[in-house]
Amino acid sequence: MKKINLKNFWILFIIILISSGCKKDMQTKEEQPKNIKVICEDTVFPMVNDLVRDYNFNNDPVVTVESFDREVAFNKLNNSEADILIGYGKPNIKEIETEMLAFDGIGIIVNISNKVNGLGIEQLKKIYTGKILNWEKLKGQSNTINPVAFKRDLNSIQQLFDSNIMDTPVKEQMNSSIQYASSIEEMKNFVAQNKNAIGFIPGQWYNKESVFLKLSGIELTSSNLKNKLYPLRFPVLMYYTKDKKDSLKDLFQYFKSEDSKKVIRKFCIEAF
């Protein structure tokens, strides 16, 4: 009888141990961080996508990223459909906090066959207002300049171009003959396929299909952005609501790390 009781005791003890272990496993799973949803303006997607990929490779893969145009992106953040938004400019919303991530620049692109290697700010403005119509006036071949801009009013790159070029020092309208692109890809393709075209894109979208012109004698490089030499320099910011700050602490720590800066600098951007 004693042997049977002893046997029952050990069975009960083992069951308790197993049950305790299961509870610990359940608690551990519950303590795992929830997925962090990052959204970004489509203008910064290449960089943000690589940052998220690098973070997930070295940590638990809990971060996802989607890109949207500026208006949709901020609407999603305001509606709590995302934890963090990465983009340009600064919204006039008091409830949103910001953190600096990097500096980018607007690169002026031309077709690879174009012999012009640089422009001044005033010359660039005259191209878009229709006061300079031929590449010959810029020491290029005698061909009509074919400028392209973004047609979306809420495109952040177009807004930055307008405020720094079209509205400085006096606000002027673009020439009625300007052609318009609806996306950065469309802008890039237009310039790549038209030898007399000129356009503008964020530095991180650069590829060998086009050429970045020097602007006021300065190349768009990470060092020139860092030293505040390139004229069209602007911040890339992270936006979030106050209630998300603690849950984003580890991600923010990564964004400030040397690993993150290495990824950012691959895109011709200066890490903050």
C-alpha atoms as a PDB file:
ATOM      1  CA  MET A   1       0.000   0.000   0.000  1.00  0.00           C
ATOM      2  CA  LYS A   2       2.875   2.364   0.838  1.00  0.00           C
ATOM      3  CA  LYS A   3       4.550   1.547  -2.477  1.00  0.00           C
ATOM      4  CA  ILE A   4       1.373   2.434  -4.350  1.00  0.00           C
ATOM      5  CA  ASN A   5       1.080   5.770  -2.516  1.00  0.00           C
ATOM      6  CA  LEU A   6       4.715   6.551  -3.225  1.00  0.00           C
ATOM      7  CA  LYS A   7       4.204   5.783  -6.883  1.00  0.00           C
ATOM      8  CA  ASN A   8       1.149   8.008  -6.992  1.00  0.00           C
ATOM      9  CA  PHE A   9       3.145  10.771  -5.315  1.00  0.00           C
ATOM     10  CA  TRP A  10       5.830  10.700  -7.994  1.00  0.00           C
ATOM     11  CA  ILE A  11       3.232  10.681 -10.773  1.00  0.00           C
ATOM     12  CA  LEU A  12       1.533  13.706  -9.220  1.00  0.00           C
ATOM     13  CA  PHE A  13       4.909  15.442  -8.779  1.00  0.00           C
ATOM     14  CA  ILE A  14       5.815  14.907 -12.444  1.00  0.00           C
ATOM     15  CA  ILE A  15       2.418  16.205 -13.574  1.00  0.00           C
ATOM     16  CA  ILE A  16       2.912  19.344 -11.467  1.00  0.00           C
ATOM     17  CA  LEU A  17       6.381  19.891 -12.984  1.00  0.00           C
ATOM     18  CA  ILE A  18       5.055  19.492 -16.521  1.00  0.00           C
ATOM     19  CA  SER A  19       2.124  21.772 -15.814  1.00  0.00           C
ATOM     20  CA  SER A  20       4.433  24.384 -14.324  1.00  0.00           C
ATOM     21  CA  GLY A  21       6.701  24.206 -17.364  1.00  0.00           C
ATOM     22  CA  CYS A  22       3.771  24.676 -19.731  1.00  0.00           C
ATOM     23  CA  LYS A  23       2.638  27.732 -17.812  1.00  0.00           C
ATOM     24  CA  LYS A  24       6.129  29.211 -18.037  1.00  0.00           C
ATOM     25  CA  ASP A  25       6.187  28.561 -21.789  1.00  0.00           C
ATOM     26  CA  MET A  26       2.799  30.218 -22.145  1.00  0.00           C
ATOM     27  CA  GLN A  27       3.978  33.207 -20.143  1.00  0.00           C
ATOM     28  CA  THR A  28       7.134  33.464 -22.248  1.00  0.00           C
ATOM     29  CA  LYS A  29       5.069  33.429 -25.439  1.00  0.00           C
ATOM     30  CA  GLU A  30       2.762  36.064 -24.039  1.00  0.00           C
ATOM     31  CA  GLU A  31       5.769  38.213 -23.152  1.00  0.00           C
ATOM     32  CA  GLN A  32       7.119  38.065 -26.701  1.00  0.00           C
ATOM     33  CA  PRO A  33       6.943  41.492 -28.375  1.00  0.00           C
ATOM     34  CA  LYS A  34       3.997  42.041 -30.655  1.00  0.00           C
ATOM     35  CA  ASN A  35       4.544  42.821 -34.307  1.00  0.00           C
ATOM     36  CA  ILE A  36       5.605  46.396 -34.996  1.00  0.00           C
ATOM     37  CA  LYS A  37       4.034  47.862 -38.097  1.00  0.00           C
ATOM     38  CA  VAL A  38       6.163  50.437 -39.893  1.00  0.00           C
ATOM     39  CA  ILE A  39       4.685  52.472 -42.703  1.00  0.00           C
ATOM     40  CA  CYS A  40       6.603  54.923 -44.818  1.00  0.00           C
ATOM     41  CA  GLU A  41       6.077  57.428 -47.558  1.00  0.00           C
ATOM     42  CA  ASP A  42       6.766  55.748 -50.883  1.00  0.00           C
ATOM     43  CA  THR A  43       9.598  58.250 -51.395  1.00  0.00           C
ATOM     44  CA  VAL A  44      11.715  56.614 -48.637  1.00  0.00           C
ATOM     45  CA  PHE A  45      10.767  52.981 -49.191  1.00  0.00           C
ATOM     46  CA  PRO A  46      14.131  51.653 -50.506  1.00  0.00           C
ATOM     47  CA  MET A  47      15.998  52.747 -47.375  1.00  0.00           C
ATOM     48  CA  VAL A  48      13.274  51.814 -44.877  1.00  0.00           C
ATOM     49  CA  ASN A  49      12.811  48.390 -46.450  1.00  0.00           C
ATOM     50  CA  ASP A  50      16.524  47.618 -46.061  1.00  0.00           C
ATOM     51  CA  LEU A  51      16.550  48.913 -42.464  1.00  0.00           C
ATOM     52  CA  VAL A  52      13.639  46.661 -41.521  1.00  0.00           C
ATOM     53  CA  ARG A  53      15.235  43.676 -43.263  1.00  0.00           C
ATOM     54  CA  ASP A  54      18.499  44.256 -41.377  1.00  0.00           C
ATOM     55  CA  TYR A  55      16.699  44.657 -38.040  1.00  0.00           C
ATOM     56  CA  ASN A  56      14.683  41.464 -38.537  1.00  0.00           C
ATOM     57  CA  PHE A  57      17.790  39.513 -39.552  1.00  0.00           C
ATOM     58  CA  ASN A  58      19.483  40.314 -36.236  1.00  0.00           C
ATOM     59  CA  ASN A  59      16.398  40.219 -33.999  1.00  0.00           C
ATOM     60  CA  ASP A  60      13.112  38.415 -33.744  1.00  0.00           C
ATOM     61  CA  PRO A  61      11.346  39.110 -37.062  1.00  0.00           C
ATOM     62  CA  VAL A  62       8.621  41.279 -35.596  1.00  0.00           C
ATOM     63  CA  VAL A  63       8.744  44.346 -37.863  1.00  0.00           C
ATOM     64  CA  THR A  64       6.759  44.705 -41.079  1.00  0.00           C
ATOM     65  CA  VAL A  65       6.843  47.616 -43.524  1.00  0.00           C
ATOM     66  CA  GLU A  66       4.457  49.012 -46.138  1.00  0.00           C
ATOM     67  CA  SER A  67       4.711  52.149 -48.255  1.00  0.00           C
ATOM     68  CA  PHE A  68       2.001  54.634 -49.169  1.00  0.00           C
ATOM     69  CA  ASP A  69       1.765  58.117 -50.578  1.00  0.00           C
ATOM     70  CA  ARG A  70       2.098  60.917 -48.027  1.00  0.00           C
ATOM     71  CA  GLU A  71      -1.591  61.603 -47.344  1.00  0.00           C
ATOM     72  CA  VAL A  72      -2.532  57.938 -46.925  1.00  0.00           C
ATOM     73  CA  ALA A  73       0.511  57.277 -44.718  1.00  0.00           C
ATOM     74  CA  PHE A  74      -0.323  60.026 -42.237  1.00  0.00           C
ATOM     75  CA  ASN A  75      -3.988  59.054 -42.196  1.00  0.00           C
ATOM     76  CA  LYS A  76      -3.008  55.506 -41.232  1.00  0.00           C
ATOM     77  CA  LEU A  77      -0.784  56.795 -38.429  1.00  0.00           C
ATOM     78  CA  ASN A  78      -3.557  59.064 -37.143  1.00  0.00           C
ATOM     79  CA  ASN A  79      -6.006  56.148 -37.207  1.00  0.00           C
ATOM     80  CA  SER A  80      -3.608  53.909 -35.206  1.00  0.00           C
ATOM     81  CA  GLU A  81      -3.167  51.544 -38.157  1.00  0.00           C
ATOM     82  CA  ALA A  82       0.616  51.689 -37.723  1.00  0.00           C
ATOM     83  CA  ASP A  83       3.142  52.084 -34.919  1.00  0.00           C
ATOM     84  CA  ILE A  84       5.591  54.361 -36.686  1.00  0.00           C
ATOM     85  CA  LEU A  85       5.772  56.359 -39.908  1.00  0.00           C
ATOM     86  CA  ILE A  86       8.978  57.344 -41.684  1.00  0.00           C
ATOM     87  CA  GLY A  87       8.991  60.177 -44.190  1.00  0.00           C
ATOM     88  CA  TYR A  88       9.852  63.760 -45.094  1.00  0.00           C
ATOM     89  CA  GLY A  89       8.483  67.049 -43.860  1.00  0.00           C
ATOM     90  CA  LYS A  90       6.629  67.661 -40.620  1.00  0.00           C
ATOM     91  CA  PRO A  91       2.858  67.478 -40.129  1.00  0.00           C
ATOM     92  CA  ASN A  92       1.006  70.069 -38.061  1.00  0.00           C
ATOM     93  CA  ILE A  93      -0.378  67.523 -35.611  1.00  0.00           C
ATOM     94  CA  LYS A  94       0.333  68.129 -31.924  1.00  0.00           C
ATOM     95  CA  GLU A  95      -0.220  64.516 -30.861  1.00  0.00           C
ATOM     96  CA  ILE A  96       2.582  63.215 -33.100  1.00  0.00           C
ATOM     97  CA  GLU A  97       6.150  62.947 -31.810  1.00  0.00           C
ATOM     98  CA  THR A  98       9.203  63.003 -34.107  1.00  0.00           C
ATOM     99  CA  GLU A  99      12.698  61.544 -34.064  1.00  0.00           C
ATOM    100  CA  MET A 100      15.434  62.386 -36.554  1.00  0.00           C
ATOM    101  CA  LEU A 101      16.656  59.460 -38.654  1.00  0.00           C
ATOM    102  CA  ALA A 102      18.805  60.843 -41.487  1.00  0.00           C
ATOM    103  CA  PHE A 103      19.384  63.592 -44.025  1.00  0.00           C
ATOM    104  CA  ASP A 104      18.575  63.113 -47.689  1.00  0.00           C
ATOM    105  CA  GLY A 105      18.924  65.390 -50.685  1.00  0.00           C
ATOM    106  CA  ILE A 106      16.905  66.059 -53.821  1.00  0.00           C
ATOM    107  CA  GLY A 107      19.042  64.997 -56.752  1.00  0.00           C
ATOM    108  CA  ILE A 108      18.618  66.715 -60.138  1.00  0.00           C
ATOM    109  CA  ILE A 109      18.662  63.956 -62.771  1.00  0.00           C
ATOM    110  CA  VAL A 110      19.303  64.037 -66.500  1.00  0.00           C
ATOM    111  CA  ASN A 111      19.693  61.399 -69.184  1.00  0.00           C
ATOM    112  CA  ILE A 112      23.072  59.632 -69.261  1.00  0.00           C
ATOM    113  CA  SER A 113      23.732  61.059 -72.749  1.00  0.00           C
ATOM    114  CA  ASN A 114      23.477  64.641 -71.475  1.00  0.00           C
ATOM    115  CA  LYS A 115      26.843  66.483 -71.482  1.00  0.00           C
ATOM    116  CA  VAL A 116      25.840  69.090 -68.887  1.00  0.00           C
ATOM    117  CA  ASN A 117      27.333  68.260 -65.486  1.00  0.00           C
ATOM    118  CA  GLY A 118      25.953  70.976 -63.257  1.00  0.00           C
ATOM    119  CA  LEU A 119      23.447  73.789 -62.718  1.00  0.00           C
ATOM    120  CA  GLY A 120      22.978  76.734 -60.417  1.00  0.00           C
ATOM    121  CA  ILE A 121      19.840  77.169 -58.303  1.00  0.00           C
ATOM    122  CA  GLU A 122      18.717  80.137 -60.416  1.00  0.00           C
ATOM    123  CA  GLN A 123      19.323  78.213 -63.654  1.00  0.00           C
ATOM    124  CA  LEU A 124      17.259  75.315 -62.346  1.00  0.00           C
ATOM    125  CA  LYS A 125      14.388  77.634 -61.522  1.00  0.00           C
ATOM    126  CA  LYS A 126      14.565  79.248 -64.971  1.00  0.00           C
ATOM    127  CA  ILE A 127      14.286  75.806 -66.580  1.00  0.00           C
ATOM    128  CA  TYR A 128      11.050  75.090 -64.714  1.00  0.00           C
ATOM    129  CA  THR A 129       9.594  78.571 -65.280  1.00  0.00           C
ATOM    130  CA  GLY A 130      10.356  78.383 -69.010  1.00  0.00           C
ATOM    131  CA  LYS A 131      12.995  81.128 -69.061  1.00  0.00           C
ATOM    132  CA  ILE A 132      15.706  78.681 -70.176  1.00  0.00           C
ATOM    133  CA  LEU A 133      14.400  76.421 -72.932  1.00  0.00           C
ATOM    134  CA  ASN A 134      17.507  74.988 -74.592  1.00  0.00           C
ATOM    135  CA  TRP A 135      20.437  72.965 -73.239  1.00  0.00           C
ATOM    136  CA  GLU A 136      22.774  75.088 -75.368  1.00  0.00           C
ATOM    137  CA  LYS A 137      22.401  77.945 -72.852  1.00  0.00           C
ATOM    138  CA  LEU A 138      23.804  75.569 -70.206  1.00  0.00           C
ATOM    139  CA  LYS A 139      26.802  74.512 -72.300  1.00  0.00           C
ATOM    140  CA  GLY A 140      25.003  71.458 -73.626  1.00  0.00           C
ATOM    141  CA  GLN A 141      23.843  70.431 -77.075  1.00  0.00           C
ATOM    142  CA  SER A 142      21.319  72.547 -78.952  1.00  0.00           C
ATOM    143  CA  ASN A 143      18.169  70.677 -77.939  1.00  0.00           C
ATOM    144  CA  THR A 144      14.934  71.762 -76.267  1.00  0.00           C
ATOM    145  CA  ILE A 145      14.894  70.992 -72.541  1.00  0.00           C
ATOM    146  CA  ASN A 146      12.135  68.611 -71.482  1.00  0.00           C
ATOM    147  CA  PRO A 147      11.489  69.156 -67.738  1.00  0.00           C
ATOM    148  CA  VAL A 148       9.307  66.839 -65.649  1.00  0.00           C
ATOM    149  CA  ALA A 149       7.812  67.342 -62.180  1.00  0.00           C
ATOM    150  CA  PHE A 150       5.451  65.438 -59.864  1.00  0.00           C
ATOM    151  CA  LYS A 151       1.752  65.990 -60.469  1.00  0.00           C
ATOM    152  CA  ARG A 152       0.543  65.126 -56.971  1.00  0.00           C
ATOM    153  CA  ASP A 153       0.110  68.197 -54.789  1.00  0.00           C
ATOM    154  CA  LEU A 154       0.799  66.150 -51.653  1.00  0.00           C
ATOM    155  CA  ASN A 155       4.033  64.637 -52.960  1.00  0.00           C
ATOM    156  CA  SER A 156       6.633  65.615 -50.342  1.00  0.00           C
ATOM    157  CA  ILE A 157       9.485  65.804 -52.866  1.00  0.00           C
ATOM    158  CA  GLN A 158       7.483  68.198 -55.025  1.00  0.00           C
ATOM    159  CA  GLN A 159       6.670  70.286 -51.944  1.00  0.00           C
ATOM    160  CA  LEU A 160      10.345  70.504 -50.998  1.00  0.00           C
ATOM    161  CA  PHE A 161      11.324  71.373 -54.567  1.00  0.00           C
ATOM    162  CA  ASP A 162       8.676  74.096 -54.691  1.00  0.00           C
ATOM    163  CA  SER A 163       9.649  75.653 -51.360  1.00  0.00           C
ATOM    164  CA  ASN A 164      13.394  75.592 -52.063  1.00  0.00           C
ATOM    165  CA  ILE A 165      13.408  76.345 -55.809  1.00  0.00           C
ATOM    166  CA  MET A 166      10.092  77.628 -57.188  1.00  0.00           C
ATOM    167  CA  ASP A 167       9.222  79.847 -54.197  1.00  0.00           C
ATOM    168  CA  THR A 168      12.747  81.220 -53.597  1.00  0.00           C
ATOM    169  CA  PRO A 169      13.387  84.129 -53.463  1.00  0.00           C
ATOM    170  CA  VAL A 170      10.052  84.977 -55.139  1.00  0.00           C
ATOM    171  CA  LYS A 171       7.265  82.470 -55.755  1.00  0.00           C
ATOM    172  CA  GLU A 172       6.834  81.637 -59.444  1.00  0.00           C
ATOM    173  CA  GLN A 173       4.688  79.132 -61.309  1.00  0.00           C
ATOM    174  CA  MET A 174       5.999  76.274 -63.388  1.00  0.00           C
ATOM    175  CA  ASN A 175       5.845  76.664 -67.148  1.00  0.00           C
ATOM    176  CA  SER A 176       2.660  75.306 -68.719  1.00  0.00           C
ATOM    177  CA  SER A 177       4.704  72.971 -70.943  1.00  0.00           C
ATOM    178  CA  ILE A 178       6.072  70.988 -67.963  1.00  0.00           C
ATOM    179  CA  GLN A 179       5.345  67.265 -68.095  1.00  0.00           C
ATOM    180  CA  TYR A 180       4.297  65.424 -64.943  1.00  0.00           C
ATOM    181  CA  ALA A 181       5.032  62.050 -63.386  1.00  0.00           C
ATOM    182  CA  SER A 182       2.852  60.343 -60.787  1.00  0.00           C
ATOM    183  CA  SER A 183       5.654  58.435 -59.041  1.00  0.00           C
ATOM    184  CA  ILE A 184       9.417  58.351 -58.617  1.00  0.00           C
ATOM    185  CA  GLU A 185       9.644  55.269 -60.841  1.00  0.00           C
ATOM    186  CA  GLU A 186       7.744  57.109 -63.572  1.00  0.00           C
ATOM    187  CA  MET A 187      10.034  60.123 -63.169  1.00  0.00           C
ATOM    188  CA  LYS A 188      13.143  57.929 -63.430  1.00  0.00           C
ATOM    189  CA  ASN A 189      11.847  56.085 -66.479  1.00  0.00           C
ATOM    190  CA  PHE A 190      10.869  59.312 -68.223  1.00  0.00           C
ATOM    191  CA  VAL A 191      14.366  60.794 -67.811  1.00  0.00           C
ATOM    192  CA  ALA A 192      16.074  57.509 -68.730  1.00  0.00           C
ATOM    193  CA  GLN A 193      14.109  57.316 -71.986  1.00  0.00           C
ATOM    194  CA  ASN A 194      14.299  61.002 -73.004  1.00  0.00           C
ATOM    195  CA  LYS A 195      17.749  62.390 -73.773  1.00  0.00           C
ATOM    196  CA  ASN A 196      16.658  66.007 -73.239  1.00  0.00           C
ATOM    197  CA  ALA A 197      14.729  65.433 -70.018  1.00  0.00           C
ATOM    198  CA  ILE A 198      15.473  66.791 -66.549  1.00  0.00           C
ATOM    199  CA  GLY A 199      13.783  65.810 -63.286  1.00  0.00           C
ATOM    200  CA  PHE A 200      14.402  65.435 -59.556  1.00  0.00           C
ATOM    201  CA  ILE A 201      14.298  62.485 -57.136  1.00  0.00           C
ATOM    202  CA  PRO A 202      15.465  61.692 -53.583  1.00  0.00           C
ATOM    203  CA  GLY A 203      19.124  60.703 -53.341  1.00  0.00           C
ATOM    204  CA  GLN A 204      18.257  57.208 -52.154  1.00  0.00           C
ATOM    205  CA  TRP A 205      16.555  56.421 -55.484  1.00  0.00           C
ATOM    206  CA  TYR A 206      19.703  56.982 -57.542  1.00  0.00           C
ATOM    207  CA  ASN A 207      20.793  54.340 -60.059  1.00  0.00           C
ATOM    208  CA  LYS A 208      22.976  54.188 -63.162  1.00  0.00           C
ATOM    209  CA  GLU A 209      20.062  54.783 -65.538  1.00  0.00           C
ATOM    210  CA  SER A 210      20.405  58.539 -64.980  1.00  0.00           C
ATOM    211  CA  VAL A 211      22.989  61.092 -63.873  1.00  0.00           C
ATOM    212  CA  PHE A 212      22.866  63.409 -60.863  1.00  0.00           C
ATOM    213  CA  LEU A 213      23.947  66.928 -61.773  1.00  0.00           C
ATOM    214  CA  LYS A 214      26.082  69.031 -59.483  1.00  0.00           C
ATOM    215  CA  LEU A 215      23.946  71.752 -57.928  1.00  0.00           C
ATOM    216  CA  SER A 216      25.726  75.071 -57.381  1.00  0.00           C
ATOM    217  CA  GLY A 217      28.956  73.142 -57.940  1.00  0.00           C
ATOM    218  CA  ILE A 218      28.222  70.586 -55.175  1.00  0.00           C
ATOM    219  CA  GLU A 219      27.675  66.845 -55.679  1.00  0.00           C
ATOM    220  CA  LEU A 220      24.960  64.975 -53.816  1.00  0.00           C
ATOM    221  CA  THR A 221      27.029  62.766 -51.489  1.00  0.00           C
ATOM    222  CA  SER A 222      26.624  61.669 -47.882  1.00  0.00           C
ATOM    223  CA  SER A 223      29.670  63.730 -46.845  1.00  0.00           C
ATOM    224  CA  ASN A 224      28.284  66.888 -48.493  1.00  0.00           C
ATOM    225  CA  LEU A 225      24.962  66.289 -46.756  1.00  0.00           C
ATOM    226  CA  LYS A 226      26.736  65.784 -43.445  1.00  0.00           C
ATOM    227  CA  ASN A 227      28.697  69.013 -43.866  1.00  0.00           C
ATOM    228  CA  LYS A 228      25.563  70.931 -44.953  1.00  0.00           C
ATOM    229  CA  LEU A 229      27.115  71.788 -48.331  1.00  0.00           C
ATOM    230  CA  TYR A 230      24.519  70.364 -50.722  1.00  0.00           C
ATOM    231  CA  PRO A 231      21.748  72.984 -51.253  1.00  0.00           C
ATOM    232  CA  LEU A 232      18.688  70.699 -51.354  1.00  0.00           C
ATOM    233  CA  ARG A 233      19.233  68.923 -48.031  1.00  0.00           C
ATOM    234  CA  PHE A 234      16.349  67.905 -45.776  1.00  0.00           C
ATOM    235  CA  PRO A 235      15.585  65.563 -42.861  1.00  0.00           C
ATOM    236  CA  VAL A 236      14.052  62.110 -42.901  1.00  0.00           C
ATOM    237  CA  LEU A 237      11.921  61.836 -39.764  1.00  0.00           C
ATOM    238  CA  MET A 238      10.246  59.102 -37.730  1.00  0.00           C
ATOM    239  CA  TYR A 239       6.711  59.896 -36.528  1.00  0.00           C
ATOM    240  CA  TYR A 240       4.796  58.159 -33.750  1.00  0.00           C
ATOM    241  CA  THR A 241       2.184  58.855 -31.102  1.00  0.00           C
ATOM    242  CA  LYS A 242       3.247  59.288 -27.462  1.00  0.00           C
ATOM    243  CA  ASP A 243       1.621  56.045 -26.335  1.00  0.00           C
ATOM    244  CA  LYS A 244       3.898  54.052 -28.693  1.00  0.00           C
ATOM    245  CA  LYS A 245       7.226  55.363 -27.393  1.00  0.00           C
ATOM    246  CA  ASP A 246       7.989  52.562 -24.908  1.00  0.00           C
ATOM    247  CA  SER A 247       7.064  49.764 -27.309  1.00  0.00           C
ATOM    248  CA  LEU A 248       9.348  51.272 -29.980  1.00  0.00           C
ATOM    249  CA  LYS A 249      12.360  51.684 -27.699  1.00  0.00           C
ATOM    250  CA  ASP A 250      14.368  48.742 -29.096  1.00  0.00           C
ATOM    251  CA  LEU A 251      13.643  49.737 -32.692  1.00  0.00           C
ATOM    252  CA  PHE A 252      14.712  53.334 -32.035  1.00  0.00           C
ATOM    253  CA  GLN A 253      17.887  52.032 -30.425  1.00  0.00           C
ATOM    254  CA  TYR A 254      18.642  50.087 -33.596  1.00  0.00           C
ATOM    255  CA  PHE A 255      17.938  53.132 -35.789  1.00  0.00           C
ATOM    256  CA  LYS A 256      20.592  55.051 -33.822  1.00  0.00           C
ATOM    257  CA  SER A 257      23.150  52.225 -34.018  1.00  0.00           C
ATOM    258  CA  GLU A 258      26.188  51.943 -36.282  1.00  0.00           C
ATOM    259  CA  ASP A 259      24.564  48.962 -38.035  1.00  0.00           C
ATOM    260  CA  SER A 260      21.635  51.165 -39.011  1.00  0.00           C
ATOM    261  CA  LYS A 261      23.915  53.987 -40.161  1.00  0.00           C
ATOM    262  CA  LYS A 262      25.785  51.592 -42.460  1.00  0.00           C
ATOM    263  CA  VAL A 263      22.498  50.709 -44.172  1.00  0.00           C
ATOM    264  CA  ILE A 264      21.437  54.356 -44.438  1.00  0.00           C
ATOM    265  CA  ARG A 265      24.744  55.454 -45.988  1.00  0.00           C
ATOM    266  CA  LYS A 266      24.382  52.898 -48.778  1.00  0.00           C
ATOM    267  CA  PHE A 267      21.636  55.130 -50.122  1.00  0.00           C
ATOM    268  CA  CYS A 268      23.738  58.290 -50.507  1.00  0.00           C
ATOM    269  CA  ILE A 269      22.169  59.617 -47.320  1.00  0.00           C
ATOM    270  CA  GLU A 270      23.797  60.911 -44.149  1.00  0.00           C
ATOM    271  CA  ALA A 271      22.720  59.140 -40.952  1.00  0.00           C
ATOM    272  CA  PHE A 272      21.820  61.451 -38.089  1.00  0.00           C
END
